Protein backbone atom coordinates (compact mmCIF):
# COMPACT_ATOMS: atom_id res chain seq x y z
CA UNK A 1 -29.38 -34.03 16.80
CA UNK A 2 -27.91 -37.21 17.61
CA UNK A 3 -24.72 -38.94 16.54
CA UNK A 4 -24.81 -41.18 13.81
CA UNK A 5 -22.03 -43.61 14.26
CA UNK A 6 -19.90 -44.11 17.44
CA UNK A 7 -16.79 -43.46 15.12
CA UNK A 8 -17.03 -39.98 15.47
CA UNK A 9 -15.01 -40.35 19.05
CA UNK A 10 -11.89 -42.80 17.63
CA UNK A 11 -12.18 -39.87 14.41
CA UNK A 12 -11.69 -36.82 16.65
CA UNK A 13 -9.37 -38.68 18.41
CA UNK A 14 -7.31 -39.41 15.43
CA UNK A 15 -7.82 -35.46 13.82
CA UNK A 16 -5.99 -34.35 16.96
CA UNK A 17 -3.29 -37.08 16.58
CA UNK A 18 -3.47 -35.59 12.69
CA UNK A 19 -2.91 -32.30 13.66
CA UNK A 20 -0.38 -32.71 15.79
CA UNK A 21 1.31 -34.65 13.23
CA UNK A 22 0.75 -31.29 10.58
CA UNK A 23 2.25 -29.15 13.11
CA UNK A 24 5.53 -30.92 13.11
CA UNK A 25 5.04 -31.21 9.20
CA UNK A 26 4.78 -27.67 8.97
CA UNK A 27 8.21 -26.96 11.05
CA UNK A 28 10.31 -29.52 8.87
CA UNK A 29 8.68 -27.97 6.21
CA UNK A 30 5.77 -30.03 5.46
CA UNK A 31 1.93 -28.27 4.31
CA UNK A 32 -0.32 -30.76 6.04
CA UNK A 33 -2.01 -28.21 8.95
CA UNK A 34 -5.28 -27.25 10.20
CA UNK A 35 -7.27 -24.65 8.70
CA UNK A 36 -10.64 -23.18 7.82
CA UNK A 37 -12.03 -22.01 4.68
CA UNK A 38 -15.19 -20.50 3.60
CA UNK A 39 -17.39 -20.22 0.35
CA UNK A 40 -18.82 -17.03 -0.34
CA UNK A 41 -22.97 -16.93 -0.19
CA UNK A 42 -25.59 -17.74 -2.88
CA UNK A 43 -28.92 -16.74 -2.48
CA UNK A 44 -32.15 -18.69 -3.89
CA UNK A 45 -36.01 -18.59 -3.14
CA UNK A 46 -38.72 -16.52 -3.04
CA UNK A 47 -39.03 -13.31 -0.65
CA UNK A 48 -42.63 -14.34 0.20
CA UNK A 49 -44.34 -17.65 0.35
CA UNK A 50 -47.24 -19.30 1.71
CA UNK A 51 -46.18 -21.91 4.52
CA UNK A 52 -49.14 -23.80 6.42
CA UNK A 53 -49.01 -23.49 10.65
CA UNK A 54 -49.31 -26.65 12.04
CA UNK A 55 -51.46 -27.29 15.01
CA UNK A 56 -50.97 -28.76 18.12
CA UNK A 57 -48.88 -29.11 21.21
CA UNK A 58 -45.36 -30.33 21.94
CA UNK A 59 -45.58 -34.26 22.96
CA UNK A 60 -49.02 -34.80 21.23
CA UNK A 61 -47.50 -37.22 18.62
CA UNK A 62 -50.61 -37.76 16.70
CA UNK A 63 -50.71 -33.67 16.16
CA UNK A 64 -49.29 -31.71 13.02
CA UNK A 65 -46.67 -30.29 15.07
CA UNK A 66 -44.99 -33.68 15.92
CA UNK A 67 -45.64 -34.67 12.46
CA UNK A 68 -41.97 -35.42 12.28
CA UNK A 69 -41.12 -36.34 15.57
CA UNK A 70 -40.82 -40.11 14.82
CA UNK A 71 -40.36 -42.01 12.12
CA UNK A 72 -39.00 -45.22 10.42
CA UNK A 73 -36.63 -46.88 8.19
CA UNK A 74 -37.94 -46.66 4.22
CA UNK A 75 -35.83 -49.33 2.43
CA UNK A 76 -36.40 -49.70 -1.23
CA UNK A 77 -34.94 -52.01 -3.74
CA UNK A 78 -32.54 -51.57 -6.32
CA UNK A 79 -30.30 -48.34 -7.19
CA UNK A 80 -31.37 -45.42 -5.42
CA UNK A 81 -33.19 -42.99 -8.07
CA UNK A 82 -30.94 -40.02 -6.96
CA UNK A 83 -28.04 -41.79 -8.73
CA UNK A 84 -29.31 -41.46 -12.34
CA UNK A 85 -31.03 -37.68 -11.53
CA UNK A 86 -28.66 -34.90 -12.92
CA UNK A 87 -26.19 -33.31 -10.52
CA UNK A 88 -27.60 -29.91 -9.06
CA UNK A 89 -25.04 -26.99 -10.18
CA UNK A 90 -26.81 -23.86 -8.35
CA UNK A 91 -28.20 -23.83 -4.97
CA UNK A 92 -31.97 -24.21 -5.17
CA UNK A 93 -34.89 -23.36 -2.42
CA UNK A 94 -38.54 -23.19 -2.15
CA UNK A 95 -37.92 -20.51 0.25
CA UNK A 96 -35.95 -17.25 0.44
CA UNK A 97 -32.60 -18.31 1.75
CA UNK A 98 -28.83 -17.55 1.52
CA UNK A 99 -26.38 -20.26 1.80
CA UNK A 100 -22.46 -20.67 2.74
CA UNK A 101 -20.01 -23.36 3.34
CA UNK A 102 -17.22 -23.46 5.25
CA UNK A 103 -14.73 -26.28 6.40
CA UNK A 104 -12.73 -25.91 9.74
CA UNK A 105 -10.28 -29.38 10.56
CA UNK A 106 -7.03 -30.46 8.33
CA UNK A 107 -6.40 -33.19 5.54
CA UNK A 108 -7.29 -36.42 7.82
CA UNK A 109 -10.66 -34.70 9.12
CA UNK A 110 -12.72 -32.17 9.79
CA UNK A 111 -16.26 -30.55 9.69
CA UNK A 112 -18.37 -28.91 6.69
CA UNK A 113 -21.16 -26.06 7.98
CA UNK A 114 -23.85 -25.26 5.83
CA UNK A 115 -25.09 -21.59 7.41
CA UNK A 116 -28.30 -20.45 6.23
CA UNK A 117 -29.73 -16.97 6.71
CA UNK A 118 -33.36 -16.26 6.18
CA UNK A 119 -33.70 -13.67 3.47
CA UNK A 120 -37.51 -13.69 3.29
CA UNK A 121 -39.97 -11.62 5.02
CA UNK A 122 -41.40 -14.14 6.94
CA UNK A 123 -40.94 -16.54 9.82
CA UNK A 124 -39.50 -19.55 8.58
CA UNK A 125 -40.45 -22.69 10.15
CA UNK A 126 -37.13 -25.54 9.31
CA UNK A 127 -39.28 -28.57 10.74
CA UNK A 128 -39.80 -31.45 8.08
CA UNK A 129 -37.41 -29.84 5.66
CA UNK A 130 -35.16 -31.79 3.48
CA UNK A 131 -31.54 -30.88 2.44
CA UNK A 132 -30.02 -32.92 -0.46
CA UNK A 133 -26.14 -32.02 -1.26
CA UNK A 134 -22.82 -33.92 -2.64
CA UNK A 135 -20.06 -34.20 -0.62
CA UNK A 136 -16.92 -36.23 0.07
CA UNK A 137 -18.19 -39.63 1.09
CA UNK A 138 -18.35 -41.66 4.47
CA UNK A 139 -19.28 -38.42 6.64
CA UNK A 140 -20.09 -39.90 10.09
CA UNK A 141 -21.73 -36.70 12.18
CA UNK A 142 -24.67 -34.66 11.45
CA UNK A 143 -26.37 -31.98 13.60
CA UNK A 144 -28.70 -28.71 13.07
CA UNK A 145 -28.16 -25.05 15.11
CA UNK A 146 -29.75 -21.84 14.54
CA UNK A 147 -29.19 -18.85 15.87
CA UNK A 148 -32.44 -18.71 18.24
CA UNK A 149 -32.89 -21.00 21.18
CA UNK A 150 -34.60 -24.71 19.46
CA UNK A 151 -34.51 -28.35 21.09
CA UNK A 152 -34.46 -31.75 20.32
CA UNK A 153 -33.86 -31.89 16.59
CA UNK A 154 -34.22 -35.14 15.03
CA UNK A 155 -33.55 -36.27 11.41
CA UNK A 156 -34.09 -39.24 8.70
CA UNK A 157 -30.80 -39.90 6.68
CA UNK A 158 -29.46 -41.30 4.11
CA UNK A 159 -25.85 -41.40 2.26
CA UNK A 160 -25.84 -42.74 -1.38
CA UNK A 161 -22.05 -43.11 -2.62
CA UNK A 162 -21.74 -42.37 -6.43
CA UNK A 163 -18.02 -44.36 -6.57
CA UNK A 164 -16.14 -41.36 -7.03
CA UNK A 165 -15.14 -40.40 -3.68
CA UNK A 166 -18.31 -38.56 -3.40
CA UNK A 167 -21.76 -39.50 -2.22
CA UNK A 168 -25.27 -38.00 -2.01
CA UNK A 169 -26.57 -36.84 0.99
CA UNK A 170 -30.00 -36.64 1.92
CA UNK A 171 -31.63 -35.16 5.39
CA UNK A 172 -34.90 -34.30 6.27
CA UNK A 173 -34.96 -32.41 9.71
CA UNK A 174 -37.15 -32.63 12.60
CA UNK A 175 -38.32 -31.85 16.27
CA UNK A 176 -39.98 -32.97 19.42
CA UNK A 177 -41.21 -31.52 22.39
CA UNK A 178 -40.62 -27.87 21.47
CA UNK A 179 -42.77 -25.37 21.25
CA UNK A 180 -43.40 -23.98 17.06
CA UNK A 181 -41.26 -20.84 17.91
CA UNK A 182 -37.93 -23.06 18.65
CA UNK A 183 -38.56 -24.91 14.92
CA UNK A 184 -38.51 -21.84 13.30
CA UNK A 185 -36.21 -19.12 12.22
CA UNK A 186 -37.41 -15.38 11.98
CA UNK A 187 -36.39 -13.11 8.77
CA UNK A 188 -32.60 -12.31 9.04
CA UNK A 189 -31.79 -15.12 11.44
CA UNK A 190 -29.81 -18.00 10.84
CA UNK A 191 -29.49 -21.75 10.93
CA UNK A 192 -26.85 -24.47 10.40
CA UNK A 193 -26.38 -27.63 9.57
CA UNK A 194 -23.02 -29.55 9.84
CA UNK A 195 -21.71 -32.80 9.12
CA UNK A 196 -17.94 -34.36 9.62
CA UNK A 197 -15.69 -36.73 7.79
CA UNK A 198 -12.60 -36.90 5.72
CA UNK A 199 -11.93 -34.75 3.05
CA UNK A 200 -10.91 -35.03 -0.38
CA UNK A 201 -9.88 -33.22 -3.81
CA UNK A 202 -13.07 -35.09 -5.95
CA UNK A 203 -15.51 -31.92 -5.27
CA UNK A 204 -14.75 -28.69 -3.95
CA UNK A 205 -16.19 -26.00 -1.82
CA UNK A 206 -18.17 -24.14 -4.37
CA UNK A 207 -19.10 -27.45 -5.77
CA UNK A 208 -20.93 -28.51 -2.15
CA UNK A 209 -22.54 -25.21 -2.03
CA UNK A 210 -24.00 -25.31 -5.00
CA UNK A 211 -25.44 -29.63 -5.21
CA UNK A 212 -27.71 -28.12 -2.35
CA UNK A 213 -31.01 -28.44 -2.88
CA UNK A 214 -33.48 -26.85 0.47
CA UNK A 215 -37.16 -28.42 0.47
CA UNK A 216 -39.35 -26.70 3.08
CA UNK A 217 -42.31 -28.28 4.05
CA UNK A 218 -45.09 -25.93 3.14
CA UNK A 219 -48.35 -27.90 3.59
CA UNK A 220 -47.79 -29.84 6.35
CA UNK A 221 -47.19 -33.23 4.36
CA UNK A 222 -44.05 -33.48 6.26
CA UNK A 223 -42.18 -33.77 2.47
CA UNK A 224 -43.21 -37.72 2.74
CA UNK A 225 -42.88 -38.08 -0.69
CA UNK A 226 -39.28 -37.17 -0.73
CA UNK A 227 -38.20 -39.44 2.16
CA UNK A 228 -40.31 -42.32 0.70
CA UNK A 229 -38.66 -42.00 -2.66
CA UNK A 230 -34.99 -42.16 -1.74
CA UNK A 231 -35.72 -44.59 1.02
CA UNK A 232 -33.79 -42.56 3.97
CA UNK A 233 -33.44 -44.08 7.81
CA UNK A 234 -34.61 -42.62 10.52
CA UNK A 235 -32.18 -42.09 13.43
CA UNK A 236 -32.68 -42.97 16.83
CA UNK A 237 -33.14 -39.95 19.29
């Protein structure tokens, strides 16, 4: 998946320097060191469900298979509606999934990773799925990964700052130019969504985990109503 900011290279360099400083601090009695933390997994969603199977072939951009291959910005006026919606405090999903969050980095910069496992009895298509969660503000990098071969992931994306050091993040996954199998996760298979940035104490790992709402596209409508409602931006390939 494409990088959404050229700041990542600079941030990564700063993080490396910060890690060296942290190690030095540790030697002198400081506490600024790199670490890895993770939450326990939580589960949500039904074990069985109905998901429509798209028709078409890779690169047939007018076909349902490529429905999320391309996109545009959808700006909205006024305050984003998500700011007036209740905070989600328990993982939600319309398909059977377990989910945990891990963090690898230090106090200056790191990467959070959602790790999902398909707990349902059927193969899940992640194409056009929407993730909404809350995390520290100013994330600058996002990417999709899976335990099975996948190709050409895309996304529609938006950050909505809350003004308290945290932001809502909205991302619609998408793929192009690959077979249906590369857009799917079998029962027991895993996939990940990773984002980078500087941490803060405004939100805990468990709160990040529990804030997540995962909405798979079950009807081939591409979750377009959610994209339009929240006004996401289309990122270049």
